[in-house]
C-alpha atoms as a PDB file:
ATOM      1  CA  MET A   1      -0.060   0.004  -0.024  1.00  0.00           C
ATOM      2  CA  SER A   2       1.482   3.329  -1.018  1.00  0.00           C
ATOM      3  CA  ARG A   3       1.313   5.932   1.740  1.00  0.00           C
ATOM      4  CA  ILE A   4       2.557   8.685  -0.612  1.00  0.00           C
ATOM      5  CA  GLY A   5       0.211   7.720  -3.449  1.00  0.00           C
ATOM      6  CA  ASN A   6      -2.911   7.766  -1.166  1.00  0.00           C
ATOM      7  CA  SER A   7      -2.383  11.313   0.192  1.00  0.00           C
ATOM      8  CA  PRO A   8      -4.373  13.992  -1.765  1.00  0.00           C
ATOM      9  CA  ILE A   9      -2.852  16.947  -3.394  1.00  0.00           C
ATOM     10  CA  THR A  10      -4.176  20.393  -2.513  1.00  0.00           C
ATOM     11  CA  ILE A  11      -4.385  22.807  -5.516  1.00  0.00           C
ATOM     12  CA  PRO A  12      -3.592  26.335  -4.398  1.00  0.00           C
ATOM     13  CA  GLU A  13      -5.456  29.352  -5.742  1.00  0.00           C
ATOM     14  CA  GLY A  14      -4.280  30.543  -9.234  1.00  0.00           C
ATOM     15  CA  VAL A  15      -3.363  27.062 -10.356  1.00  0.00           C
ATOM     16  CA  SER A  16      -5.462  25.341 -13.009  1.00  0.00           C
ATOM     17  CA  VAL A  17      -5.284  21.641 -13.580  1.00  0.00           C
ATOM     18  CA  GLU A  18      -6.219  19.944 -16.924  1.00  0.00           C
ATOM     19  CA  ILE A  19      -6.589  16.171 -16.875  1.00  0.00           C
ATOM     20  CA  GLN A  20      -6.616  14.341 -20.247  1.00  0.00           C
ATOM     21  CA  PRO A  21      -6.284  10.617 -20.887  1.00  0.00           C
ATOM     22  CA  ASN A  22      -2.555   9.938 -20.319  1.00  0.00           C
ATOM     23  CA  LEU A  23      -1.625  13.573 -19.962  1.00  0.00           C
ATOM     24  CA  PHE A  24      -1.630  15.871 -16.846  1.00  0.00           C
ATOM     25  CA  THR A  25      -1.206  19.665 -17.259  1.00  0.00           C
ATOM     26  CA  VAL A  26      -0.788  22.268 -14.770  1.00  0.00           C
ATOM     27  CA  LYS A  27      -0.861  26.098 -15.347  1.00  0.00           C
ATOM     28  CA  GLY A  28       0.088  28.687 -12.686  1.00  0.00           C
ATOM     29  CA  LYS A  29       1.418  32.210 -12.336  1.00  0.00           C
ATOM     30  CA  LEU A  30       5.016  30.968 -13.073  1.00  0.00           C
ATOM     31  CA  GLY A  31       4.295  28.917 -16.133  1.00  0.00           C
ATOM     32  CA  GLU A  32       3.054  25.621 -17.518  1.00  0.00           C
ATOM     33  CA  LEU A  33       4.176  21.880 -16.930  1.00  0.00           C
ATOM     34  CA  SER A  34       2.847  18.683 -18.370  1.00  0.00           C
ATOM     35  CA  GLN A  35       3.474  15.023 -17.565  1.00  0.00           C
ATOM     36  CA  SER A  36       2.282  11.807 -19.253  1.00  0.00           C
ATOM     37  CA  TYR A  37       1.103   9.023 -16.928  1.00  0.00           C
ATOM     38  CA  ASP A  38      -0.293   5.517 -17.025  1.00  0.00           C
ATOM     39  CA  LEU A  39      -1.674   3.000 -14.741  1.00  0.00           C
ATOM     40  CA  VAL A  40      -3.317   5.446 -12.458  1.00  0.00           C
ATOM     41  CA  SER A  41      -6.591   7.364 -12.577  1.00  0.00           C
ATOM     42  CA  ILE A  42      -6.900  10.961 -11.312  1.00  0.00           C
ATOM     43  CA  GLU A  43     -10.062  12.223  -9.548  1.00  0.00           C
ATOM     44  CA  LYS A  44     -10.434  16.023  -9.150  1.00  0.00           C
ATOM     45  CA  SER A  45     -12.845  17.395  -6.577  1.00  0.00           C
ATOM     46  CA  GLU A  46     -13.001  21.124  -5.928  1.00  0.00           C
ATOM     47  CA  ASN A  47      -9.382  21.942  -4.999  1.00  0.00           C
ATOM     48  CA  THR A  48      -7.941  18.449  -4.354  1.00  0.00           C
ATOM     49  CA  LEU A  49      -6.606  15.663  -6.516  1.00  0.00           C
ATOM     50  CA  THR A  50      -6.523  11.968  -5.587  1.00  0.00           C
ATOM     51  CA  LEU A  51      -4.726   9.279  -7.449  1.00  0.00           C
ATOM     52  CA  LYS A  52      -6.122   5.670  -7.657  1.00  0.00           C
ATOM     53  CA  ARG A  53      -4.521   2.607  -9.080  1.00  0.00           C
ATOM     54  CA  VAL A  54      -6.020   1.027 -12.176  1.00  0.00           C
ATOM     55  CA  ASN A  55      -5.091  -2.439 -10.923  1.00  0.00           C
ATOM     56  CA  GLN A  56      -2.958  -4.097  -8.319  1.00  0.00           C
ATOM     57  CA  SER A  57       0.095  -5.142 -10.326  1.00  0.00           C
ATOM     58  CA  LYS A  58       3.547  -4.427  -8.992  1.00  0.00           C
ATOM     59  CA  THR A  59       4.242  -1.770 -11.667  1.00  0.00           C
ATOM     60  CA  ALA A  60       0.909   0.006 -10.959  1.00  0.00           C
ATOM     61  CA  LYS A  61       1.697   0.051  -7.192  1.00  0.00           C
ATOM     62  CA  ALA A  62       5.127   1.511  -7.815  1.00  0.00           C
ATOM     63  CA  LYS A  63       3.892   4.152 -10.244  1.00  0.00           C
ATOM     64  CA  HIS A  64       1.097   5.124  -7.787  1.00  0.00           C
ATOM     65  CA  GLY A  65       3.482   6.901  -5.491  1.00  0.00           C
ATOM     66  CA  LEU A  66       5.794   8.099  -8.182  1.00  0.00           C
ATOM     67  CA  TYR A  67       3.136   9.992 -10.141  1.00  0.00           C
ATOM     68  CA  ARG A  68       1.596  11.448  -6.893  1.00  0.00           C
ATOM     69  CA  ALA A  69       5.070  12.824  -6.103  1.00  0.00           C
ATOM     70  CA  LEU A  70       5.628  14.153  -9.648  1.00  0.00           C
ATOM     71  CA  PHE A  71       2.125  15.825  -9.759  1.00  0.00           C
ATOM     72  CA  TYR A  72       2.709  17.469  -6.371  1.00  0.00           C
ATOM     73  CA  ASN A  73       6.090  18.804  -7.413  1.00  0.00           C
ATOM     74  CA  MET A  74       4.419  20.223 -10.454  1.00  0.00           C
ATOM     75  CA  VAL A  75       1.640  21.900  -8.623  1.00  0.00           C
ATOM     76  CA  GLN A  76       4.233  23.572  -6.167  1.00  0.00           C
ATOM     77  CA  GLY A  77       6.573  24.480  -8.909  1.00  0.00           C
ATOM     78  CA  VAL A  78       3.851  26.490 -11.009  1.00  0.00           C
ATOM     79  CA  SER A  79       2.699  28.301  -7.925  1.00  0.00           C
ATOM     80  CA  ASN A  80       6.021  28.849  -5.841  1.00  0.00           C
ATOM     81  CA  GLY A  81       8.882  27.458  -7.871  1.00  0.00           C
ATOM     82  CA  TRP A  82      11.851  25.480  -6.794  1.00  0.00           C
ATOM     83  CA  SER A  83      15.405  26.715  -6.147  1.00  0.00           C
ATOM     84  CA  LYS A  84      18.810  25.236  -5.135  1.00  0.00           C
ATOM     85  CA  GLU A  85      21.856  27.073  -3.916  1.00  0.00           C
ATOM     86  CA  LEU A  86      25.429  25.952  -4.327  1.00  0.00           C
ATOM     87  CA  GLU A  87      28.419  27.174  -2.573  1.00  0.00           C
ATOM     88  CA  LEU A  88      32.039  27.200  -3.798  1.00  0.00           C
ATOM     89  CA  VAL A  89      34.526  26.568  -0.989  1.00  0.00           C
ATOM     90  CA  GLY A  90      38.192  26.973  -1.757  1.00  0.00           C
ATOM     91  CA  VAL A  91      40.890  29.554  -2.485  1.00  0.00           C
ATOM     92  CA  GLY A  92      40.436  31.189  -5.906  1.00  0.00           C
ATOM     93  CA  TYR A  93      37.089  29.455  -6.627  1.00  0.00           C
ATOM     94  CA  ARG A  94      34.946  31.862  -8.443  1.00  0.00           C
ATOM     95  CA  ALA A  95      31.697  31.843 -10.510  1.00  0.00           C
ATOM     96  CA  LYS A  96      30.118  34.375 -12.785  1.00  0.00           C
ATOM     97  CA  ASN A  97      27.250  34.145 -15.192  1.00  0.00           C
ATOM     98  CA  GLN A  98      26.490  36.124 -18.439  1.00  0.00           C
ATOM     99  CA  GLY A  99      22.888  35.304 -19.299  1.00  0.00           C
ATOM    100  CA  GLN A 100      22.555  31.443 -19.301  1.00  0.00           C
ATOM    101  CA  LYS A 101      26.301  30.864 -19.391  1.00  0.00           C
ATOM    102  CA  LEU A 102      27.880  29.986 -16.121  1.00  0.00           C
ATOM    103  CA  GLU A 103      31.680  30.386 -15.987  1.00  0.00           C
ATOM    104  CA  LEU A 104      33.413  28.490 -13.059  1.00  0.00           C
ATOM    105  CA  ALA A 105      36.927  28.839 -11.892  1.00  0.00           C
ATOM    106  CA  LEU A 106      37.491  25.606  -9.810  1.00  0.00           C
ATOM    107  CA  GLY A 107      41.261  25.307  -9.578  1.00  0.00           C
ATOM    108  CA  PHE A 108      41.781  23.560 -12.971  1.00  0.00           C
ATOM    109  CA  SER A 109      44.082  24.932 -15.724  1.00  0.00           C
ATOM    110  CA  HIS A 110      41.047  26.273 -17.561  1.00  0.00           C
ATOM    111  CA  ASN A 111      37.752  27.835 -16.637  1.00  0.00           C
ATOM    112  CA  ILE A 112      34.677  25.648 -17.007  1.00  0.00           C
ATOM    113  CA  VAL A 113      31.835  27.185 -19.203  1.00  0.00           C
ATOM    114  CA  PHE A 114      28.505  25.483 -18.606  1.00  0.00           C
ATOM    115  CA  GLN A 115      25.459  26.383 -20.698  1.00  0.00           C
ATOM    116  CA  ILE A 116      22.187  26.423 -18.420  1.00  0.00           C
ATOM    117  CA  PRO A 117      18.863  25.669 -20.044  1.00  0.00           C
ATOM    118  CA  THR A 118      16.567  28.666 -20.567  1.00  0.00           C
ATOM    119  CA  GLU A 119      14.005  27.161 -18.291  1.00  0.00           C
ATOM    120  CA  VAL A 120      16.477  27.691 -15.293  1.00  0.00           C
ATOM    121  CA  LYS A 121      17.172  31.171 -13.986  1.00  0.00           C
ATOM    122  CA  VAL A 122      20.762  31.430 -12.720  1.00  0.00           C
ATOM    123  CA  GLU A 123      22.299  34.072 -10.328  1.00  0.00           C
ATOM    124  CA  THR A 124      25.731  34.308  -8.896  1.00  0.00           C
ATOM    125  CA  VAL A 125      26.505  36.154  -5.684  1.00  0.00           C
ATOM    126  CA  SER A 126      30.077  37.121  -4.715  1.00  0.00           C
ATOM    127  CA  GLU A 127      30.724  38.997  -1.563  1.00  0.00           C
ATOM    128  CA  LYS A 128      34.272  39.863  -0.241  1.00  0.00           C
ATOM    129  CA  GLY A 129      35.172  37.416   2.541  1.00  0.00           C
ATOM    130  CA  LYS A 130      32.477  35.025   1.786  1.00  0.00           C
ATOM    131  CA  ASN A 131      32.285  31.999  -0.477  1.00  0.00           C
ATOM    132  CA  PRO A 132      30.701  32.441  -3.985  1.00  0.00           C
ATOM    133  CA  ILE A 133      27.143  31.331  -4.197  1.00  0.00           C
ATOM    134  CA  ILE A 134      25.290  30.104  -7.320  1.00  0.00           C
ATOM    135  CA  LYS A 135      21.468  30.289  -7.162  1.00  0.00           C
ATOM    136  CA  LEU A 136      19.317  28.177  -9.613  1.00  0.00           C
ATOM    137  CA  MET A 137      15.473  28.777  -9.863  1.00  0.00           C
ATOM    138  CA  SER A 138      12.825  27.115 -11.986  1.00  0.00           C
ATOM    139  CA  LEU A 139       9.388  25.678 -11.850  1.00  0.00           C
ATOM    140  CA  ASP A 140      10.668  22.194 -12.790  1.00  0.00           C
ATOM    141  CA  LYS A 141      12.060  20.440  -9.707  1.00  0.00           C
ATOM    142  CA  GLN A 142      13.723  17.671 -11.643  1.00  0.00           C
ATOM    143  CA  LEU A 143      15.564  20.017 -13.956  1.00  0.00           C
ATOM    144  CA  VAL A 144      16.869  22.193 -11.122  1.00  0.00           C
ATOM    145  CA  GLY A 145      18.133  19.068  -9.179  1.00  0.00           C
ATOM    146  CA  ALA A 146      19.850  17.678 -12.369  1.00  0.00           C
ATOM    147  CA  ILE A 147      21.604  21.028 -13.047  1.00  0.00           C
ATOM    148  CA  ALA A 148      22.718  21.443  -9.509  1.00  0.00           C
ATOM    149  CA  SER A 149      24.012  17.988  -9.458  1.00  0.00           C
ATOM    150  CA  LYS A 150      25.892  18.526 -12.728  1.00  0.00           C
ATOM    151  CA  ILE A 151      27.593  21.712 -11.405  1.00  0.00           C
ATOM    152  CA  ARG A 152      28.448  19.850  -8.207  1.00  0.00           C
ATOM    153  CA  SER A 153      30.064  17.021 -10.218  1.00  0.00           C
ATOM    154  CA  PHE A 154      32.623  19.410 -11.638  1.00  0.00           C
ATOM    155  CA  ARG A 155      34.442  19.549  -8.282  1.00  0.00           C
ATOM    156  CA  LYS A 156      32.754  17.548  -5.435  1.00  0.00           C
ATOM    157  CA  PRO A 157      33.811  18.342  -1.898  1.00  0.00           C
ATOM    158  CA  GLU A 158      36.709  16.415  -0.638  1.00  0.00           C
ATOM    159  CA  PRO A 159      36.646  15.088   2.878  1.00  0.00           C
ATOM    160  CA  TYR A 160      39.992  16.526   4.278  1.00  0.00           C
ATOM    161  CA  LYS A 161      39.676  20.324   3.781  1.00  0.00           C
ATOM    162  CA  GLY A 162      36.163  20.341   2.474  1.00  0.00           C
ATOM    163  CA  LYS A 163      37.063  22.096  -0.669  1.00  0.00           C
ATOM    164  CA  GLY A 164      34.680  21.870  -3.776  1.00  0.00           C
ATOM    165  CA  VAL A 165      31.275  22.658  -4.822  1.00  0.00           C
ATOM    166  CA  LYS A 166      28.649  21.830  -2.152  1.00  0.00           C
ATOM    167  CA  TYR A 167      24.913  22.643  -1.543  1.00  0.00           C
ATOM    168  CA  VAL A 168      24.255  25.474   1.022  1.00  0.00           C
ATOM    169  CA  GLY A 169      23.633  23.795   4.356  1.00  0.00           C
ATOM    170  CA  GLU A 170      25.300  20.419   3.365  1.00  0.00           C
ATOM    171  CA  GLU A 171      27.472  18.768   5.896  1.00  0.00           C
ATOM    172  CA  ILE A 172      30.591  17.242   4.660  1.00  0.00           C
ATOM    173  CA  ARG A 173      31.963  14.257   6.628  1.00  0.00           C
ATOM    174  CA  ARG A 174      35.573  15.208   7.588  1.00  0.00           C
ATOM    175  CA  LYS A 175      38.444  12.778   7.870  1.00  0.00           C
ATOM    176  CA  ALA A 176      41.582  13.367   9.875  1.00  0.00           C
ATOM    177  CA  GLY A 177      44.865  13.891   8.010  1.00  0.00           C
ATOM    178  CA  LYS A 178      48.066  11.933   8.391  1.00  0.00           C
ATOM    179  CA  SER A 179      49.261  11.657  11.905  1.00  0.00           C
ATOM    180  CA  ALA A 180      52.956  12.375  12.304  1.00  0.00           C
END
């Protein structure tokens, strides 16, 4: 029994939901998202959505919770949006953006130029005495997470000094160095 799949989704004001066979579309103040689905049926009543399984097969049970989570993230995305913040920890680590191009100096012999999709808004904050921060904002939670993960993969935080690209608020497990 899927606990996530059984919980209803509350639709906030200003968000319209369109349910077609095998296509779920959400429109809000920030934009529009759509997702195809199968093996579940969607029931809409006033301002709540509930998902039911079509049958009791193993794949239907698995997709019940999956689609509920995806639809919830879509509804929240078009009403509030999703954001991730990355912090660059290290001497000489810098980030700057020109439109959708993000240029990172991460201690390599060359700068990394990363093209960010147009659906994601990027902003870099560099204050003197503080680590540079990259802010990613979009209405698609999957896309923001994927872009943040890709940027983090350029220089993952290492366990001895903690240098690298990390999420804001992420705790890095530290190791002791060599003992003399």
